[in-house]
Amino acid sequence: MAKMTMHQELDMLRIEVEALRKQKEEREKQEATEEIKAEEARQHALEEAEEKAEEIMGSVDEAKMDAKDGIHELLHSIKKDYENLSPVAAVVLFALGAAFGRALEKD
C-alpha cells in the first residue's frame, strides 16, 4: 500500500467533514419538517375539537329551549284544566290527593 501524503489525508478529511455536514443538515431539515407536520396535526385536531364543542353547545342550547317550551306548554295546560275544573271536582281531587299523601306517609 502506498502511503498517503499529508495533503491527501487533509483532502479526505475535508470530504468526510463535508459529507457529515450534509448529513447533519439533511437530518435537521427532516426534523424541522416532522415538527411542522406535528404542529399542523395538533392545530387541526384543536380546530376539530372546537367545532365539535360548538356543535355540542348548540345542541344543548336547543335542548334547553325545547325543555323550556315543553314546561310552559304543560303549565299552560294545567292552568287551563284548573280553570275549567268545577268546584266539586276540585274538592274531590284535593281529598284524593290528601288521602294518597297520607298513605304514602305511613309507609
PDB file of N, CA and C in Angstrom:
ATOM      1  N   MET A   1       0.821  -1.177   0.000  1.00  0.00           N
ATOM      2  CA  MET A   1       0.000   0.000   0.000  1.00  0.00           C
ATOM      3  C   MET A   1       0.866   1.243   0.000  1.00  0.00           C
ATOM      4  N   ALA A   2       0.411   2.153  -0.738  1.00  0.00           N
ATOM      5  CA  ALA A   2       1.161   3.398  -0.824  1.00  0.00           C
ATOM      6  C   ALA A   2       0.745   4.298   0.321  1.00  0.00           C
ATOM      7  N   LYS A   3       1.709   4.976   0.871  1.00  0.00           N
ATOM      8  CA  LYS A   3       1.422   5.885   1.969  1.00  0.00           C
ATOM      9  C   LYS A   3       0.802   7.160   1.394  1.00  0.00           C
ATOM     10  N   MET A   4      -0.121   7.711   2.164  1.00  0.00           N
ATOM     11  CA  MET A   4      -0.782   8.944   1.731  1.00  0.00           C
ATOM     12  C   MET A   4       0.002  10.135   2.255  1.00  0.00           C
ATOM     13  N   THR A   5      -0.018  11.131   1.469  1.00  0.00           N
ATOM     14  CA  THR A   5       0.663  12.343   1.909  1.00  0.00           C
ATOM     15  C   THR A   5      -0.262  13.116   2.841  1.00  0.00           C
ATOM     16  N   MET A   6       0.279  14.062   3.516  1.00  0.00           N
ATOM     17  CA  MET A   6      -0.500  14.857   4.463  1.00  0.00           C
ATOM     18  C   MET A   6      -1.603  15.623   3.729  1.00  0.00           C
ATOM     19  N   HIS A   7      -1.319  16.105   2.533  1.00  0.00           N
ATOM     20  CA  HIS A   7      -2.324  16.836   1.756  1.00  0.00           C
ATOM     21  C   HIS A   7      -3.459  15.912   1.343  1.00  0.00           C
ATOM     22  N   GLN A   8      -3.135  14.694   0.990  1.00  0.00           N
ATOM     23  CA  GLN A   8      -4.166  13.738   0.611  1.00  0.00           C
ATOM     24  C   GLN A   8      -5.046  13.406   1.820  1.00  0.00           C
ATOM     25  N   GLU A   9      -4.438  13.218   2.965  1.00  0.00           N
ATOM     26  CA  GLU A   9      -5.211  12.935   4.177  1.00  0.00           C
ATOM     27  C   GLU A   9      -6.121  14.120   4.517  1.00  0.00           C
ATOM     28  N   LEU A  10      -5.588  15.343   4.412  1.00  0.00           N
ATOM     29  CA  LEU A  10      -6.411  16.528   4.672  1.00  0.00           C
ATOM     30  C   LEU A  10      -7.578  16.622   3.690  1.00  0.00           C
ATOM     31  N   ASP A  11      -7.316  16.322   2.426  1.00  0.00           N
ATOM     32  CA  ASP A  11      -8.392  16.338   1.427  1.00  0.00           C
ATOM     33  C   ASP A  11      -9.464  15.307   1.767  1.00  0.00           C
ATOM     34  N   MET A  12      -9.054  14.131   2.175  1.00  0.00           N
ATOM     35  CA  MET A  12     -10.016  13.077   2.543  1.00  0.00           C
ATOM     36  C   MET A  12     -10.822  13.497   3.776  1.00  0.00           C
ATOM     37  N   LEU A  13     -10.152  14.107   4.755  1.00  0.00           N
ATOM     38  CA  LEU A  13     -10.842  14.580   5.954  1.00  0.00           C
ATOM     39  C   LEU A  13     -11.839  15.690   5.602  1.00  0.00           C
ATOM     40  N   ARG A  14     -11.464  16.576   4.698  1.00  0.00           N
ATOM     41  CA  ARG A  14     -12.384  17.640   4.271  1.00  0.00           C
ATOM     42  C   ARG A  14     -13.617  17.047   3.596  1.00  0.00           C
ATOM     43  N   ILE A  15     -13.392  16.060   2.754  1.00  0.00           N
ATOM     44  CA  ILE A  15     -14.509  15.396   2.068  1.00  0.00           C
ATOM     45  C   ILE A  15     -15.425  14.728   3.097  1.00  0.00           C
ATOM     46  N   GLU A  16     -14.827  14.054   4.068  1.00  0.00           N
ATOM     47  CA  GLU A  16     -15.599  13.371   5.105  1.00  0.00           C
ATOM     48  C   GLU A  16     -16.368  14.382   5.963  1.00  0.00           C
ATOM     49  N   VAL A  17     -15.731  15.485   6.330  1.00  0.00           N
ATOM     50  CA  VAL A  17     -16.402  16.528   7.110  1.00  0.00           C
ATOM     51  C   VAL A  17     -17.557  17.114   6.316  1.00  0.00           C
ATOM     52  N   GLU A  18     -17.348  17.367   5.040  1.00  0.00           N
ATOM     53  CA  GLU A  18     -18.416  17.911   4.192  1.00  0.00           C
ATOM     54  C   GLU A  18     -19.592  16.936   4.107  1.00  0.00           C
ATOM     55  N   ALA A  19     -19.302  15.644   3.973  1.00  0.00           N
ATOM     56  CA  ALA A  19     -20.356  14.637   3.921  1.00  0.00           C
ATOM     57  C   ALA A  19     -21.124  14.599   5.236  1.00  0.00           C
ATOM     58  N   LEU A  20     -20.402  14.666   6.357  1.00  0.00           N
ATOM     59  CA  LEU A  20     -21.061  14.680   7.660  1.00  0.00           C
ATOM     60  C   LEU A  20     -21.903  15.941   7.848  1.00  0.00           C
ATOM     61  N   ARG A  21     -21.416  17.065   7.379  1.00  0.00           N
ATOM     62  CA  ARG A  21     -22.161  18.320   7.471  1.00  0.00           C
ATOM     63  C   ARG A  21     -23.458  18.217   6.664  1.00  0.00           C
ATOM     64  N   LYS A  22     -23.376  17.644   5.455  1.00  0.00           N
ATOM     65  CA  LYS A  22     -24.576  17.482   4.622  1.00  0.00           C
ATOM     66  C   LYS A  22     -25.577  16.554   5.303  1.00  0.00           C
ATOM     67  N   GLN A  23     -25.080  15.477   5.918  1.00  0.00           N
ATOM     68  CA  GLN A  23     -25.968  14.551   6.634  1.00  0.00           C
ATOM     69  C   GLN A  23     -26.666  15.264   7.789  1.00  0.00           C
ATOM     70  N   LYS A  24     -25.902  16.090   8.509  1.00  0.00           N
ATOM     71  CA  LYS A  24     -26.473  16.831   9.633  1.00  0.00           C
ATOM     72  C   LYS A  24     -27.551  17.797   9.148  1.00  0.00           C
ATOM     73  N   GLU A  25     -27.263  18.525   8.071  1.00  0.00           N
ATOM     74  CA  GLU A  25     -28.239  19.471   7.528  1.00  0.00           C
ATOM     75  C   GLU A  25     -29.503  18.744   7.074  1.00  0.00           C
ATOM     76  N   GLU A  26     -29.334  17.608   6.425  1.00  0.00           N
ATOM     77  CA  GLU A  26     -30.486  16.819   5.957  1.00  0.00           C
ATOM     78  C   GLU A  26     -31.319  16.331   7.141  1.00  0.00           C
ATOM     79  N   ARG A  27     -30.648  15.858   8.186  1.00  0.00           N
ATOM     80  CA  ARG A  27     -31.348  15.385   9.378  1.00  0.00           C
ATOM     81  C   ARG A  27     -32.101  16.539  10.043  1.00  0.00           C
ATOM     82  N   GLU A  28     -31.490  17.719  10.116  1.00  0.00           N
ATOM     83  CA  GLU A  28     -32.156  18.876  10.702  1.00  0.00           C
ATOM     84  C   GLU A  28     -33.366  19.292   9.877  1.00  0.00           C
ATOM     85  N   LYS A  29     -33.255  19.223   8.552  1.00  0.00           N
ATOM     86  CA  LYS A  29     -34.394  19.549   7.689  1.00  0.00           C
ATOM     87  C   LYS A  29     -35.538  18.570   7.928  1.00  0.00           C
ATOM     88  N   GLN A  30     -35.204  17.270   8.038  1.00  0.00           N
ATOM     89  CA  GLN A  30     -36.234  16.262   8.279  1.00  0.00           C
ATOM     90  C   GLN A  30     -36.913  16.488   9.632  1.00  0.00           C
ATOM     91  N   GLU A  31     -36.128  16.790  10.654  1.00  0.00           N
ATOM     92  CA  GLU A  31     -36.699  17.040  11.969  1.00  0.00           C
ATOM     93  C   GLU A  31     -37.603  18.271  11.954  1.00  0.00           C
ATOM     94  N   ALA A  32     -37.171  19.312  11.244  1.00  0.00           N
ATOM     95  CA  ALA A  32     -37.993  20.516  11.149  1.00  0.00           C
ATOM     96  C   ALA A  32     -39.300  20.216  10.417  1.00  0.00           C
ATOM     97  N   THR A  33     -39.211  19.438   9.351  1.00  0.00           N
ATOM     98  CA  THR A  33     -40.413  19.066   8.603  1.00  0.00           C
ATOM     99  C   THR A  33     -41.356  18.247   9.474  1.00  0.00           C
ATOM    100  N   GLU A  34     -40.804  17.311  10.237  1.00  0.00           N
ATOM    101  CA  GLU A  34     -41.635  16.499  11.124  1.00  0.00           C
ATOM    102  C   GLU A  34     -42.286  17.352  12.200  1.00  0.00           C
ATOM    103  N   GLU A  35     -41.566  18.324  12.730  1.00  0.00           N
ATOM    104  CA  GLU A  35     -42.135  19.219  13.739  1.00  0.00           C
ATOM    105  C   GLU A  35     -43.272  20.048  13.152  1.00  0.00           C
ATOM    106  N   ILE A  36     -43.076  20.523  11.931  1.00  0.00           N
ATOM    107  CA  ILE A  36     -44.123  21.309  11.272  1.00  0.00           C
ATOM    108  C   ILE A  36     -45.362  20.452  11.050  1.00  0.00           C
ATOM    109  N   LYS A  37     -45.164  19.220  10.589  1.00  0.00           N
ATOM    110  CA  LYS A  37     -46.300  18.324  10.367  1.00  0.00           C
ATOM    111  C   LYS A  37     -47.015  18.017  11.677  1.00  0.00           C
ATOM    112  N   ALA A  38     -46.255  17.791  12.742  1.00  0.00           N
ATOM    113  CA  ALA A  38     -46.854  17.507  14.044  1.00  0.00           C
ATOM    114  C   ALA A  38     -47.643  18.715  14.545  1.00  0.00           C
ATOM    115  N   GLU A  39     -47.113  19.910  14.364  1.00  0.00           N
ATOM    116  CA  GLU A  39     -47.814  21.124  14.785  1.00  0.00           C
ATOM    117  C   GLU A  39     -49.095  21.311  13.973  1.00  0.00           C
ATOM    118  N   GLU A  40     -49.032  21.045  12.675  1.00  0.00           N
ATOM    119  CA  GLU A  40     -50.231  21.154  11.834  1.00  0.00           C
ATOM    120  C   GLU A  40     -51.280  20.143  12.281  1.00  0.00           C
ATOM    121  N   ALA A  41     -50.847  18.926  12.627  1.00  0.00           N
ATOM    122  CA  ALA A  41     -51.785  17.905  13.086  1.00  0.00           C
ATOM    123  C   ALA A  41     -52.433  18.322  14.409  1.00  0.00           C
ATOM    124  N   ARG A  42     -51.633  18.893  15.319  1.00  0.00           N
ATOM    125  CA  ARG A  42     -52.186  19.364  16.590  1.00  0.00           C
ATOM    126  C   ARG A  42     -53.181  20.498  16.353  1.00  0.00           C
ATOM    127  N   GLN A  43     -52.841  21.396  15.460  1.00  0.00           N
ATOM    128  CA  GLN A  43     -53.727  22.526  15.157  1.00  0.00           C
ATOM    129  C   GLN A  43     -55.036  22.031  14.544  1.00  0.00           C
ATOM    130  N   HIS A  44     -54.935  21.073  13.644  1.00  0.00           N
ATOM    131  CA  HIS A  44     -56.128  20.510  13.008  1.00  0.00           C
ATOM    132  C   HIS A  44     -57.007  19.820  14.050  1.00  0.00           C
ATOM    133  N   ALA A  45     -56.399  19.056  14.941  1.00  0.00           N
ATOM    134  CA  ALA A  45     -57.154  18.369  15.987  1.00  0.00           C
ATOM    135  C   ALA A  45     -57.825  19.386  16.913  1.00  0.00           C
ATOM    136  N   LEU A  46     -57.138  20.467  17.219  1.00  0.00           N
ATOM    137  CA  LEU A  46     -57.702  21.509  18.070  1.00  0.00           C
ATOM    138  C   LEU A  46     -58.897  22.171  17.388  1.00  0.00           C
ATOM    139  N   GLU A  47     -58.773  22.447  16.102  1.00  0.00           N
ATOM    140  CA  GLU A  47     -59.883  23.058  15.369  1.00  0.00           C
ATOM    141  C   GLU A  47     -61.095  22.138  15.332  1.00  0.00           C
ATOM    142  N   GLU A  48     -60.850  20.839  15.114  1.00  0.00           N
ATOM    143  CA  GLU A  48     -61.955  19.879  15.105  1.00  0.00           C
ATOM    144  C   GLU A  48     -62.623  19.813  16.471  1.00  0.00           C
ATOM    145  N   ALA A  49     -61.825  19.824  17.527  1.00  0.00           N
ATOM    146  CA  ALA A  49     -62.376  19.776  18.878  1.00  0.00           C
ATOM    147  C   ALA A  49     -63.225  21.022  19.159  1.00  0.00           C
ATOM    148  N   GLU A  50     -62.756  22.184  18.708  1.00  0.00           N
ATOM    149  CA  GLU A  50     -63.526  23.413  18.900  1.00  0.00           C
ATOM    150  C   GLU A  50     -64.848  23.354  18.145  1.00  0.00           C
ATOM    151  N   GLU A  51     -64.817  22.831  16.917  1.00  0.00           N
ATOM    152  CA  GLU A  51     -66.050  22.720  16.133  1.00  0.00           C
ATOM    153  C   GLU A  51     -67.037  21.780  16.809  1.00  0.00           C
ATOM    154  N   LYS A  52     -66.534  20.641  17.300  1.00  0.00           N
ATOM    155  CA  LYS A  52     -67.419  19.693  17.992  1.00  0.00           C
ATOM    156  C   LYS A  52     -67.987  20.305  19.261  1.00  0.00           C
ATOM    157  N   ALA A  53     -67.167  21.050  19.982  1.00  0.00           N
ATOM    158  CA  ALA A  53     -67.642  21.692  21.206  1.00  0.00           C
ATOM    159  C   ALA A  53     -68.740  22.701  20.878  1.00  0.00           C
ATOM    160  N   GLU A  54     -68.558  23.461  19.803  1.00  0.00           N
ATOM    161  CA  GLU A  54     -69.584  24.419  19.397  1.00  0.00           C
ATOM    162  C   GLU A  54     -70.877  23.711  19.010  1.00  0.00           C
ATOM    163  N   GLU A  55     -70.756  22.585  18.296  1.00  0.00           N
ATOM    164  CA  GLU A  55     -71.946  21.821  17.921  1.00  0.00           C
ATOM    165  C   GLU A  55     -72.665  21.304  19.164  1.00  0.00           C
ATOM    166  N   ILE A  56     -71.895  20.799  20.120  1.00  0.00           N
ATOM    167  CA  ILE A  56     -72.500  20.264  21.343  1.00  0.00           C
ATOM    168  C   ILE A  56     -73.191  21.379  22.118  1.00  0.00           C
ATOM    169  N   MET A  57     -72.526  22.518  22.215  1.00  0.00           N
ATOM    170  CA  MET A  57     -73.138  23.634  22.935  1.00  0.00           C
ATOM    171  C   MET A  57     -74.417  24.098  22.238  1.00  0.00           C
ATOM    172  N   GLY A  58     -74.406  24.090  20.921  1.00  0.00           N
ATOM    173  CA  GLY A  58     -75.608  24.459  20.176  1.00  0.00           C
ATOM    174  C   GLY A  58     -76.744  23.489  20.433  1.00  0.00           C
ATOM    175  N   SER A  59     -76.432  22.188  20.451  1.00  0.00           N
ATOM    176  CA  SER A  59     -77.478  21.199  20.700  1.00  0.00           C
ATOM    177  C   SER A  59     -77.970  21.283  22.141  1.00  0.00           C
ATOM    178  N   VAL A  60     -77.086  21.614  23.087  1.00  0.00           N
ATOM    179  CA  VAL A  60     -77.509  21.785  24.476  1.00  0.00           C
ATOM    180  C   VAL A  60     -78.445  22.977  24.591  1.00  0.00           C
ATOM    181  N   ASP A  61     -78.110  24.062  23.922  1.00  0.00           N
ATOM    182  CA  ASP A  61     -78.980  25.244  23.950  1.00  0.00           C
ATOM    183  C   ASP A  61     -80.346  24.929  23.342  1.00  0.00           C
ATOM    184  N   GLU A  62     -80.351  24.176  22.245  1.00  0.00           N
ATOM    185  CA  GLU A  62     -81.619  23.785  21.625  1.00  0.00           C
ATOM    186  C   GLU A  62     -82.430  22.915  22.568  1.00  0.00           C
ATOM    187  N   ALA A  63     -81.766  21.982  23.254  1.00  0.00           N
ATOM    188  CA  ALA A  63     -82.459  21.101  24.191  1.00  0.00           C
ATOM    189  C   ALA A  63     -83.036  21.906  25.355  1.00  0.00           C
ATOM    190  N   LYS A  64     -82.293  22.907  25.819  1.00  0.00           N
ATOM    191  CA  LYS A  64     -82.803  23.765  26.899  1.00  0.00           C
ATOM    192  C   LYS A  64     -84.061  24.493  26.451  1.00  0.00           C
ATOM    193  N   MET A  65     -84.012  25.025  25.251  1.00  0.00           N
ATOM    194  CA  MET A  65     -85.175  25.764  24.738  1.00  0.00           C
ATOM    195  C   MET A  65     -86.371  24.831  24.553  1.00  0.00           C
ATOM    196  N   ASP A  66     -86.124  23.616  24.038  1.00  0.00           N
ATOM    197  CA  ASP A  66     -87.211  22.651  23.863  1.00  0.00           C
ATOM    198  C   ASP A  66     -87.815  22.268  25.210  1.00  0.00           C
ATOM    199  N   ALA A  67     -86.957  22.039  26.207  1.00  0.00           N
ATOM    200  CA  ALA A  67     -87.450  21.688  27.534  1.00  0.00           C
ATOM    201  C   ALA A  67     -88.256  22.835  28.134  1.00  0.00           C
ATOM    202  N   LYS A  68     -87.737  24.045  27.971  1.00  0.00           N
ATOM    203  CA  LYS A  68     -88.431  25.225  28.491  1.00  0.00           C
ATOM    204  C   LYS A  68     -89.801  25.376  27.829  1.00  0.00           C
ATOM    205  N   ASP A  69     -89.861  25.191  26.514  1.00  0.00           N
ATOM    206  CA  ASP A  69     -91.137  25.271  25.798  1.00  0.00           C
ATOM    207  C   ASP A  69     -92.097  24.184  26.264  1.00  0.00           C
ATOM    208  N   GLY A  70     -91.569  22.977  26.485  1.00  0.00           N
ATOM    209  CA  GLY A  70     -92.409  21.874  26.955  1.00  0.00           C
ATOM    210  C   GLY A  70     -92.982  22.150  28.334  1.00  0.00           C
ATOM    211  N   ILE A  71     -92.163  22.717  29.215  1.00  0.00           N
ATOM    212  CA  ILE A  71     -92.643  23.039  30.564  1.00  0.00           C
ATOM    213  C   ILE A  71     -93.713  24.121  30.499  1.00  0.00           C
ATOM    214  N   HIS A  72     -93.508  25.118  29.647  1.00  0.00           N
ATOM    215  CA  HIS A  72     -94.513  26.178  29.504  1.00  0.00           C
ATOM    216  C   HIS A  72     -95.831  25.613  28.961  1.00  0.00           C
ATOM    217  N   GLU A  73     -95.751  24.715  28.023  1.00  0.00           N
ATOM    218  CA  GLU A  73     -96.957  24.089  27.481  1.00  0.00           C
ATOM    219  C   GLU A  73     -97.675  23.279  28.555  1.00  0.00           C
ATOM    220  N   LEU A  74     -96.914  22.535  29.347  1.00  0.00           N
ATOM    221  CA  LEU A  74     -97.502  21.732  30.422  1.00  0.00           C
ATOM    222  C   LEU A  74     -98.174  22.614  31.454  1.00  0.00           C
ATOM    223  N   LEU A  75     -97.489  23.675  31.862  1.00  0.00           N
ATOM    224  CA  LEU A  75     -98.084  24.597  32.842  1.00  0.00           C
ATOM    225  C   LEU A  75     -99.336  25.268  32.293  1.00  0.00           C
ATOM    226  N   HIS A  76     -99.296  25.616  31.020  1.00  0.00           N
ATOM    227  CA  HIS A  76    -100.472  26.230  30.397  1.00  0.00           C
ATOM    228  C   HIS A  76    -101.648  25.252  30.385  1.00  0.00           C
ATOM    229  N   SER A  77    -101.389  24.010  30.045  1.00  0.00           N
ATOM    230  CA  SER A  77    -102.493  23.030  30.022  1.00  0.00           C
ATOM    231  C   SER A  77    -103.008  22.744  31.424  1.00  0.00           C
ATOM    232  N   ILE A  78    -102.122  22.710  32.439  1.00  0.00           N
ATOM    233  CA  ILE A  78    -102.579  22.509  33.826  1.00  0.00           C
ATOM    234  C   ILE A  78    -103.432  23.693  34.266  1.00  0.00           C
ATOM    235  N   LYS A  79    -102.969  24.896  33.934  1.00  0.00           N
ATOM    236  CA  LYS A  79    -103.733  26.099  34.293  1.00  0.00           C
ATOM    237  C   LYS A  79    -105.101  26.085  33.622  1.00  0.00           C
ATOM    238  N   LYS A  80    -105.132  25.699  32.357  1.00  0.00           N
ATOM    239  CA  LYS A  80    -106.391  25.655  31.613  1.00  0.00           C
ATOM    240  C   LYS A  80    -107.331  24.616  32.234  1.00  0.00           C
ATOM    241  N   ASP A  81    -106.783  23.432  32.574  1.00  0.00           N
ATOM    242  CA  ASP A  81    -107.606  22.394  33.205  1.00  0.00           C
ATOM    243  C   ASP A  81    -108.109  22.860  34.570  1.00  0.00           C
ATOM    244  N   TYR A  82    -107.274  23.554  35.319  1.00  0.00           N
ATOM    245  CA  TYR A  82    -107.662  24.047  36.636  1.00  0.00           C
ATOM    246  C   TYR A  82    -108.777  25.082  36.518  1.00  0.00           C
ATOM    247  N   GLU A  83    -108.671  25.956  35.531  1.00  0.00           N
ATOM    248  CA  GLU A  83    -109.697  26.982  35.351  1.00  0.00           C
ATOM    249  C   GLU A  83    -111.032  26.378  34.933  1.00  0.00           C
ATOM    250  N   ASN A  84    -110.995  25.250  34.209  1.00  0.00           N
ATOM    251  CA  ASN A  84    -112.219  24.620  33.727  1.00  0.00           C
ATOM    252  C   ASN A  84    -112.771  23.587  34.709  1.00  0.00           C
ATOM    253  N   LEU A  85    -112.090  23.379  35.829  1.00  0.00           N
ATOM    254  CA  LEU A  85    -112.493  22.371  36.813  1.00  0.00           C
ATOM    255  C   LEU A  85    -113.633  22.917  37.668  1.00  0.00           C
ATOM    256  N   SER A  86    -114.643  22.061  37.882  1.00  0.00           N
ATOM    257  CA  SER A  86    -115.764  22.503  38.724  1.00  0.00           C
ATOM    258  C   SER A  86    -115.339  22.475  40.189  1.00  0.00           C
ATOM    259  N   PRO A  87    -115.986  23.263  41.038  1.00  0.00           N
ATOM    260  CA  PRO A  87    -115.611  23.305  42.459  1.00  0.00           C
ATOM    261  C   PRO A  87    -115.747  21.943  43.149  1.00  0.00           C
ATOM    262  N   VAL A  88    -116.751  21.185  42.815  1.00  0.00           N
ATOM    263  CA  VAL A  88    -116.939  19.862  43.428  1.00  0.00           C
ATOM    264  C   VAL A  88    -115.802  18.934  43.023  1.00  0.00           C
ATOM    265  N   ALA A  89    -115.447  18.951  41.766  1.00  0.00           N
ATOM    266  CA  ALA A  89    -114.345  18.098  41.300  1.00  0.00           C
ATOM    267  C   ALA A  89    -113.037  18.525  41.953  1.00  0.00           C
ATOM    268  N   ALA A  90    -112.848  19.813  42.190  1.00  0.00           N
ATOM    269  CA  ALA A  90    -111.631  20.297  42.831  1.00  0.00           C
ATOM    270  C   ALA A  90    -111.542  19.783  44.260  1.00  0.00           C
ATOM    271  N   VAL A  91    -112.658  19.796  44.993  1.00  0.00           N
ATOM    272  CA  VAL A  91    -112.675  19.295  46.379  1.00  0.00           C
ATOM    273  C   VAL A  91    -112.406  17.802  46.388  1.00  0.00           C
ATOM    274  N   VAL A  92    -112.998  17.055  45.476  1.00  0.00           N
ATOM    275  CA  VAL A  92    -112.778  15.610  45.402  1.00  0.00           C
ATOM    276  C   VAL A  92    -111.315  15.327  45.051  1.00  0.00           C
ATOM    277  N   LEU A  93    -110.779  16.036  44.120  1.00  0.00           N
ATOM    278  CA  LEU A  93    -109.376  15.854  43.730  1.00  0.00           C
ATOM    279  C   LEU A  93    -108.436  16.180  44.881  1.00  0.00           C
ATOM    280  N   PHE A  94    -108.746  17.244  45.637  1.00  0.00           N
ATOM    281  CA  PHE A  94    -107.927  17.590  46.793  1.00  0.00           C
ATOM    282  C   PHE A  94    -107.992  16.496  47.841  1.00  0.00           C
ATOM    283  N   ALA A  95    -109.200  15.961  48.092  1.00  0.00           N
ATOM    284  CA  ALA A  95    -109.365  14.901  49.091  1.00  0.00           C
ATOM    285  C   ALA A  95    -108.598  13.650  48.675  1.00  0.00           C
ATOM    286  N   LEU A  96    -108.663  13.292  47.403  1.00  0.00           N
ATOM    287  CA  LEU A  96    -107.918  12.129  46.920  1.00  0.00           C
ATOM    288  C   LEU A  96    -106.411  12.342  47.083  1.00  0.00           C
ATOM    289  N   GLY A  97    -105.942  13.541  46.768  1.00  0.00           N
ATOM    290  CA  GLY A  97    -104.517  13.858  46.911  1.00  0.00           C
ATOM    291  C   GLY A  97    -104.097  13.763  48.366  1.00  0.00           C
ATOM    292  N   ALA A  98    -104.918  14.269  49.283  1.00  0.00           N
ATOM    293  CA  ALA A  98    -104.591  14.222  50.714  1.00  0.00           C
ATOM    294  C   ALA A  98    -104.564  12.768  51.194  1.00  0.00           C
ATOM    295  N   ALA A  99    -105.553  11.963  50.768  1.00  0.00           N
ATOM    296  CA  ALA A  99    -105.572  10.555  51.169  1.00  0.00           C
ATOM    297  C   ALA A  99    -104.372   9.801  50.626  1.00  0.00           C
ATOM    298  N   PHE A 100    -104.030  10.061  49.393  1.00  0.00           N
ATOM    299  CA  PHE A 100    -102.858   9.412  48.773  1.00  0.00           C
ATOM    300  C   PHE A 100    -101.581   9.839  49.493  1.00  0.00           C
ATOM    301  N   GLY A 101    -101.479  11.108  49.859  1.00  0.00           N
ATOM    302  CA  GLY A 101    -100.314  11.620  50.581  1.00  0.00           C
ATOM    303  C   GLY A 101    -100.185  10.957  51.949  1.00  0.00           C
ATOM    304  N   ARG A 102    -101.293  10.780  52.643  1.00  0.00           N
ATOM    305  CA  ARG A 102    -101.233  10.115  53.948  1.00  0.00           C
ATOM    306  C   ARG A 102    -100.838   8.653  53.806  1.00  0.00           C
ATOM    307  N   ALA A 103    -101.338   8.015  52.759  1.00  0.00           N
ATOM    308  CA  ALA A 103    -100.996   6.595  52.545  1.00  0.00           C
ATOM    309  C   ALA A 103     -99.501   6.449  52.266  1.00  0.00           C
ATOM    310  N   LEU A 104     -98.940   7.348  51.519  1.00  0.00           N
ATOM    311  CA  LEU A 104     -97.504   7.304  51.248  1.00  0.00           C
ATOM    312  C   LEU A 104     -96.693   7.651  52.487  1.00  0.00           C
ATOM    313  N   GLU A 105     -97.236   8.530  53.305  1.00  0.00           N
ATOM    314  CA  GLU A 105     -96.532   8.969  54.508  1.00  0.00           C
ATOM    315  C   GLU A 105     -96.415   7.840  55.523  1.00  0.00           C
ATOM    316  N   LYS A 106     -97.406   6.966  55.616  1.00  0.00           N
ATOM    317  CA  LYS A 106     -97.394   5.864  56.570  1.00  0.00           C
ATOM    318  C   LYS A 106     -96.386   4.792  56.210  1.00  0.00           C
ATOM    319  N   ASP A 107     -96.069   4.628  54.961  1.00  0.00           N
ATOM    320  CA  ASP A 107     -95.125   3.583  54.545  1.00  0.00           C
ATOM    321  C   ASP A 107     -93.770   4.028  54.848  1.00  0.00           C
TER     322      ASP A 107
END
